[in-house]
């Protein structure tokens, strides 16, 4: 491979991983930004998934072994508002649901881009 092709590939991986990190940071902050109300399960899920996305996206630029986790975590973040049951708790707002779907999609697509460009 030529040097410019390799640096372009590295830049794409770094950009995709960077978008996944931003999506993970949003997921961590979303319970306070999007007013989740009493949806504690979703808030905990977002915090754990967001932290994991940040960690795995950060290491994906150096180690491709666990990069497959990014699309899985992003997919979970996107569907979690629909999968988690809230019992007697307040259902999350429409903004919270849309934010999760968008952030999850960004993390999943970023992870897929990193996987594809790594090969």
N, C-alpha and C. Protein backbone atom coordinates (compact mmCIF):
# COMPACT_ATOMS: atom_id res chain seq x y z
N UNK A 1 0.83 -1.18 0.00
CA UNK A 1 0.00 0.00 0.00
C UNK A 1 0.87 1.23 0.00
N UNK A 2 0.41 2.23 -0.66
CA UNK A 2 1.15 3.48 -0.67
C UNK A 2 0.91 4.22 0.62
N UNK A 3 1.78 5.18 0.94
CA UNK A 3 1.67 5.94 2.17
C UNK A 3 0.39 6.75 2.24
N UNK A 4 -0.04 7.33 1.10
CA UNK A 4 -1.25 8.15 1.14
C UNK A 4 -2.49 7.29 1.35
N UNK A 5 -2.50 6.07 0.82
CA UNK A 5 -3.63 5.18 1.03
C UNK A 5 -3.71 4.77 2.49
N UNK A 6 -2.58 4.47 3.09
CA UNK A 6 -2.55 4.07 4.48
C UNK A 6 -2.97 5.22 5.38
N UNK A 7 -2.50 6.45 5.10
CA UNK A 7 -2.88 7.57 5.96
C UNK A 7 -4.35 7.91 5.78
N UNK A 8 -4.90 7.73 4.59
CA UNK A 8 -6.33 7.95 4.37
C UNK A 8 -7.16 6.93 5.12
N UNK A 9 -6.69 5.69 5.13
CA UNK A 9 -7.38 4.63 5.86
C UNK A 9 -7.34 4.91 7.35
N UNK A 10 -6.19 5.35 7.85
CA UNK A 10 -6.04 5.67 9.27
C UNK A 10 -6.93 6.86 9.64
N UNK A 11 -7.01 7.85 8.77
CA UNK A 11 -7.86 9.01 9.03
C UNK A 11 -9.34 8.61 9.08
N UNK A 12 -9.75 7.71 8.20
CA UNK A 12 -11.14 7.25 8.20
C UNK A 12 -11.46 6.49 9.47
N UNK A 13 -10.55 5.61 9.88
CA UNK A 13 -10.75 4.85 11.12
C UNK A 13 -10.82 5.81 12.30
N UNK A 14 -9.92 6.78 12.35
CA UNK A 14 -9.90 7.75 13.44
C UNK A 14 -11.17 8.60 13.46
N UNK A 15 -11.64 9.01 12.29
CA UNK A 15 -12.87 9.81 12.23
C UNK A 15 -14.09 9.02 12.66
N UNK A 16 -14.18 7.79 12.20
CA UNK A 16 -15.31 6.93 12.58
C UNK A 16 -15.28 6.64 14.08
N UNK A 17 -14.11 6.36 14.61
CA UNK A 17 -13.97 6.10 16.04
C UNK A 17 -14.29 7.37 16.83
N UNK A 18 -13.90 8.51 16.31
CA UNK A 18 -14.21 9.78 16.97
C UNK A 18 -15.70 10.04 17.04
N UNK A 19 -16.42 9.75 15.97
CA UNK A 19 -17.88 9.89 15.99
C UNK A 19 -18.51 8.94 17.00
N UNK A 20 -17.98 7.72 17.09
CA UNK A 20 -18.49 6.76 18.07
C UNK A 20 -18.23 7.26 19.49
N UNK A 21 -17.07 7.87 19.73
CA UNK A 21 -16.77 8.43 21.05
C UNK A 21 -17.76 9.54 21.38
N UNK A 22 -18.04 10.43 20.43
CA UNK A 22 -19.01 11.50 20.66
C UNK A 22 -20.40 10.94 20.96
N UNK A 23 -20.80 9.90 20.23
CA UNK A 23 -22.09 9.27 20.49
C UNK A 23 -22.12 8.65 21.90
N UNK A 24 -21.02 8.03 22.29
CA UNK A 24 -20.93 7.46 23.63
C UNK A 24 -21.01 8.53 24.71
N UNK A 25 -20.34 9.65 24.49
CA UNK A 25 -20.41 10.76 25.45
C UNK A 25 -21.82 11.31 25.55
N UNK A 26 -22.50 11.39 24.41
CA UNK A 26 -23.90 11.84 24.44
C UNK A 26 -24.75 10.86 25.27
N UNK A 27 -24.56 9.57 25.05
CA UNK A 27 -25.35 8.57 25.78
C UNK A 27 -25.12 8.70 27.29
N UNK A 28 -23.90 9.00 27.70
CA UNK A 28 -23.61 9.18 29.12
C UNK A 28 -24.35 10.40 29.66
N UNK A 29 -24.36 11.49 28.90
CA UNK A 29 -24.98 12.74 29.35
C UNK A 29 -26.48 12.81 29.09
N UNK A 30 -27.00 11.95 28.24
CA UNK A 30 -28.40 12.03 27.81
C UNK A 30 -29.43 12.01 28.94
N UNK A 31 -29.25 11.21 29.98
CA UNK A 31 -30.27 11.24 31.04
C UNK A 31 -30.51 12.63 31.63
N UNK A 32 -29.50 13.47 31.61
CA UNK A 32 -29.66 14.83 32.12
C UNK A 32 -30.02 15.80 31.01
N UNK A 33 -29.53 15.57 29.81
CA UNK A 33 -29.82 16.48 28.69
C UNK A 33 -31.23 16.30 28.14
N UNK A 34 -31.67 15.06 28.01
CA UNK A 34 -32.96 14.77 27.37
C UNK A 34 -34.08 14.52 28.37
N UNK A 35 -33.82 14.73 29.64
CA UNK A 35 -34.84 14.59 30.67
C UNK A 35 -35.54 13.22 30.62
N UNK A 36 -34.82 12.22 31.07
CA UNK A 36 -35.35 10.87 31.07
C UNK A 36 -36.44 10.68 32.11
N UNK A 37 -36.56 11.60 33.02
CA UNK A 37 -37.58 11.47 34.05
C UNK A 37 -37.28 10.28 34.94
N UNK A 38 -38.27 9.43 35.14
CA UNK A 38 -38.10 8.28 36.02
C UNK A 38 -37.65 7.03 35.33
N UNK A 39 -37.19 7.10 34.10
CA UNK A 39 -36.76 5.92 33.36
C UNK A 39 -35.35 5.53 33.79
N UNK A 40 -35.23 5.01 35.01
CA UNK A 40 -33.92 4.70 35.58
C UNK A 40 -33.20 3.60 34.82
N UNK A 41 -33.94 2.58 34.34
CA UNK A 41 -33.28 1.49 33.60
C UNK A 41 -32.60 2.02 32.35
N UNK A 42 -33.27 2.93 31.65
CA UNK A 42 -32.69 3.50 30.44
C UNK A 42 -31.49 4.37 30.77
N UNK A 43 -31.56 5.12 31.86
CA UNK A 43 -30.45 5.97 32.27
C UNK A 43 -29.22 5.13 32.60
N UNK A 44 -29.42 4.04 33.33
CA UNK A 44 -28.30 3.15 33.67
C UNK A 44 -27.77 2.48 32.41
N UNK A 45 -28.66 2.00 31.56
CA UNK A 45 -28.24 1.37 30.31
C UNK A 45 -27.42 2.33 29.46
N UNK A 46 -27.88 3.57 29.35
CA UNK A 46 -27.15 4.56 28.56
C UNK A 46 -25.77 4.83 29.14
N UNK A 47 -25.69 4.95 30.46
CA UNK A 47 -24.41 5.24 31.08
C UNK A 47 -23.42 4.10 30.84
N UNK A 48 -23.86 2.88 31.05
CA UNK A 48 -22.97 1.72 30.86
C UNK A 48 -22.59 1.57 29.38
N UNK A 49 -23.58 1.63 28.49
CA UNK A 49 -23.29 1.50 27.06
C UNK A 49 -22.42 2.65 26.58
N UNK A 50 -22.71 3.87 27.03
CA UNK A 50 -21.91 5.03 26.62
C UNK A 50 -20.46 4.91 27.06
N UNK A 51 -20.24 4.50 28.31
CA UNK A 51 -18.87 4.31 28.79
C UNK A 51 -18.16 3.23 27.98
N UNK A 52 -18.85 2.13 27.71
CA UNK A 52 -18.24 1.04 26.94
C UNK A 52 -17.92 1.50 25.51
N UNK A 53 -18.83 2.27 24.91
CA UNK A 53 -18.59 2.77 23.55
C UNK A 53 -17.36 3.67 23.53
N UNK A 54 -17.25 4.57 24.50
CA UNK A 54 -16.08 5.46 24.57
C UNK A 54 -14.80 4.65 24.70
N UNK A 55 -14.80 3.66 25.58
CA UNK A 55 -13.59 2.84 25.79
C UNK A 55 -13.24 2.06 24.53
N UNK A 56 -14.22 1.33 23.96
CA UNK A 56 -13.92 0.49 22.80
C UNK A 56 -13.60 1.32 21.56
N UNK A 57 -14.23 2.47 21.40
CA UNK A 57 -13.90 3.33 20.25
C UNK A 57 -12.51 3.91 20.41
N UNK A 58 -12.13 4.22 21.64
CA UNK A 58 -10.79 4.76 21.88
C UNK A 58 -9.69 3.74 21.60
N UNK A 59 -9.94 2.49 21.96
CA UNK A 59 -8.91 1.48 21.72
C UNK A 59 -8.98 0.90 20.31
N UNK A 60 -10.07 1.16 19.58
CA UNK A 60 -10.20 0.58 18.24
C UNK A 60 -9.18 1.16 17.27
N UNK A 61 -8.64 2.34 17.56
CA UNK A 61 -7.63 2.92 16.67
C UNK A 61 -6.29 2.22 16.83
N UNK A 62 -6.10 1.50 17.96
CA UNK A 62 -4.85 0.80 18.20
C UNK A 62 -4.99 -0.72 18.12
N UNK A 63 -6.18 -1.23 18.45
CA UNK A 63 -6.38 -2.67 18.55
C UNK A 63 -7.72 -3.02 17.90
N UNK A 64 -7.68 -3.84 16.88
CA UNK A 64 -8.91 -4.16 16.16
C UNK A 64 -9.61 -5.43 16.69
N UNK A 65 -9.05 -6.07 17.69
CA UNK A 65 -9.61 -7.33 18.18
C UNK A 65 -11.03 -7.17 18.70
N UNK A 66 -11.32 -6.10 19.41
CA UNK A 66 -12.63 -5.91 20.02
C UNK A 66 -13.49 -4.88 19.31
N UNK A 67 -13.13 -4.50 18.11
CA UNK A 67 -13.88 -3.48 17.38
C UNK A 67 -15.31 -3.93 17.07
N UNK A 68 -15.54 -5.22 16.96
CA UNK A 68 -16.88 -5.73 16.66
C UNK A 68 -17.89 -5.36 17.75
N UNK A 69 -17.40 -5.01 18.94
CA UNK A 69 -18.29 -4.65 20.04
C UNK A 69 -19.00 -3.32 19.78
N UNK A 70 -18.36 -2.41 19.07
CA UNK A 70 -18.95 -1.09 18.81
C UNK A 70 -20.31 -1.15 18.12
N UNK A 71 -20.45 -1.86 17.00
CA UNK A 71 -21.78 -1.92 16.38
C UNK A 71 -22.82 -2.58 17.28
N UNK A 72 -22.41 -3.56 18.07
CA UNK A 72 -23.35 -4.23 18.98
C UNK A 72 -23.84 -3.26 20.04
N UNK A 73 -22.92 -2.52 20.65
CA UNK A 73 -23.31 -1.54 21.68
C UNK A 73 -24.17 -0.43 21.08
N UNK A 74 -23.81 0.02 19.88
CA UNK A 74 -24.61 1.05 19.22
C UNK A 74 -26.01 0.55 18.91
N UNK A 75 -26.10 -0.69 18.46
CA UNK A 75 -27.41 -1.28 18.19
C UNK A 75 -28.25 -1.37 19.45
N UNK A 76 -27.60 -1.77 20.56
CA UNK A 76 -28.32 -1.85 21.83
C UNK A 76 -28.83 -0.46 22.25
N UNK A 77 -27.98 0.54 22.14
CA UNK A 77 -28.39 1.90 22.52
C UNK A 77 -29.58 2.36 21.69
N UNK A 78 -29.61 1.98 20.42
CA UNK A 78 -30.70 2.40 19.53
C UNK A 78 -32.02 1.72 19.87
N UNK A 79 -31.97 0.46 20.26
CA UNK A 79 -33.23 -0.26 20.52
C UNK A 79 -33.62 -0.29 21.99
N UNK A 80 -32.72 0.07 22.89
CA UNK A 80 -33.00 -0.04 24.32
C UNK A 80 -34.24 0.73 24.79
N UNK A 81 -34.58 1.91 24.23
CA UNK A 81 -35.81 2.56 24.69
C UNK A 81 -37.07 1.74 24.40
N UNK A 82 -36.99 0.88 23.39
CA UNK A 82 -38.15 0.07 23.01
C UNK A 82 -38.15 -1.28 23.71
N UNK A 83 -36.98 -1.76 24.13
CA UNK A 83 -36.84 -3.09 24.72
C UNK A 83 -37.05 -3.06 26.24
N UNK A 84 -36.47 -2.05 26.88
CA UNK A 84 -36.56 -1.98 28.34
C UNK A 84 -38.00 -1.68 28.76
N UNK A 85 -38.43 -2.32 29.81
CA UNK A 85 -39.77 -2.10 30.36
C UNK A 85 -39.64 -1.20 31.57
N UNK A 86 -40.57 -0.31 31.75
CA UNK A 86 -40.44 0.71 32.78
C UNK A 86 -41.32 0.48 33.99
N UNK A 87 -42.18 -0.53 33.98
CA UNK A 87 -43.02 -0.82 35.14
C UNK A 87 -43.77 0.41 35.59
N UNK A 88 -43.60 0.79 36.85
CA UNK A 88 -44.28 1.95 37.39
C UNK A 88 -43.53 3.25 37.15
N UNK A 89 -42.41 3.19 36.44
CA UNK A 89 -41.62 4.38 36.20
C UNK A 89 -42.18 5.19 35.03
N UNK A 90 -41.72 6.41 34.94
CA UNK A 90 -42.10 7.29 33.84
C UNK A 90 -41.44 6.80 32.55
N UNK A 91 -42.20 6.78 31.49
CA UNK A 91 -41.66 6.42 30.18
C UNK A 91 -40.78 7.58 29.71
N UNK A 92 -39.63 7.29 29.07
CA UNK A 92 -38.77 8.38 28.62
C UNK A 92 -39.47 9.25 27.57
N UNK A 93 -39.05 10.50 27.50
CA UNK A 93 -39.64 11.44 26.55
C UNK A 93 -39.33 11.05 25.11
N UNK A 94 -40.05 11.63 24.19
CA UNK A 94 -39.80 11.39 22.76
C UNK A 94 -38.38 11.83 22.41
N UNK A 95 -37.94 12.95 22.98
CA UNK A 95 -36.58 13.43 22.73
C UNK A 95 -35.52 12.45 23.19
N UNK A 96 -35.78 11.82 24.35
CA UNK A 96 -34.84 10.82 24.86
C UNK A 96 -34.78 9.61 23.94
N UNK A 97 -35.94 9.18 23.45
CA UNK A 97 -36.00 8.03 22.55
C UNK A 97 -35.29 8.34 21.24
N UNK A 98 -35.58 9.49 20.66
CA UNK A 98 -34.94 9.88 19.39
C UNK A 98 -33.43 10.03 19.58
N UNK A 99 -33.02 10.64 20.70
CA UNK A 99 -31.60 10.80 20.98
C UNK A 99 -30.89 9.47 21.07
N UNK A 100 -31.52 8.49 21.72
CA UNK A 100 -30.93 7.16 21.82
C UNK A 100 -30.80 6.51 20.44
N UNK A 101 -31.86 6.60 19.65
CA UNK A 101 -31.83 5.98 18.33
C UNK A 101 -30.72 6.60 17.47
N UNK A 102 -30.63 7.92 17.48
CA UNK A 102 -29.61 8.60 16.65
C UNK A 102 -28.20 8.29 17.17
N UNK A 103 -27.98 8.44 18.48
CA UNK A 103 -26.65 8.16 19.04
C UNK A 103 -26.26 6.70 18.83
N UNK A 104 -27.21 5.79 19.02
CA UNK A 104 -26.94 4.38 18.79
C UNK A 104 -26.59 4.09 17.34
N UNK A 105 -27.31 4.72 16.43
CA UNK A 105 -27.03 4.53 15.00
C UNK A 105 -25.65 5.08 14.64
N UNK A 106 -25.30 6.24 15.18
CA UNK A 106 -23.98 6.83 14.91
C UNK A 106 -22.88 5.91 15.45
N UNK A 107 -23.05 5.41 16.66
CA UNK A 107 -22.05 4.50 17.24
C UNK A 107 -21.94 3.21 16.43
N UNK A 108 -23.09 2.66 16.03
CA UNK A 108 -23.09 1.41 15.26
C UNK A 108 -22.44 1.63 13.89
N UNK A 109 -22.81 2.69 13.20
CA UNK A 109 -22.23 2.97 11.88
C UNK A 109 -20.75 3.30 11.99
N UNK A 110 -20.36 4.02 13.04
CA UNK A 110 -18.94 4.29 13.26
C UNK A 110 -18.17 3.00 13.49
N UNK A 111 -18.75 2.10 14.28
CA UNK A 111 -18.11 0.81 14.51
C UNK A 111 -18.00 -0.03 13.26
N UNK A 112 -19.05 -0.01 12.44
CA UNK A 112 -19.01 -0.74 11.17
C UNK A 112 -17.95 -0.15 10.25
N UNK A 113 -17.86 1.18 10.20
CA UNK A 113 -16.84 1.82 9.36
C UNK A 113 -15.44 1.45 9.82
N UNK A 114 -15.23 1.40 11.13
CA UNK A 114 -13.92 1.01 11.65
C UNK A 114 -13.63 -0.45 11.26
N UNK A 115 -14.62 -1.32 11.41
CA UNK A 115 -14.44 -2.73 11.04
C UNK A 115 -14.08 -2.89 9.56
N UNK A 116 -14.82 -2.21 8.72
CA UNK A 116 -14.60 -2.33 7.27
C UNK A 116 -13.24 -1.77 6.87
N UNK A 117 -12.89 -0.62 7.42
CA UNK A 117 -11.62 0.02 7.05
C UNK A 117 -10.40 -0.70 7.63
N UNK A 118 -10.60 -1.44 8.69
CA UNK A 118 -9.49 -2.17 9.31
C UNK A 118 -9.04 -3.35 8.46
N UNK A 119 -9.93 -3.89 7.67
CA UNK A 119 -9.61 -5.08 6.88
C UNK A 119 -8.79 -4.78 5.68
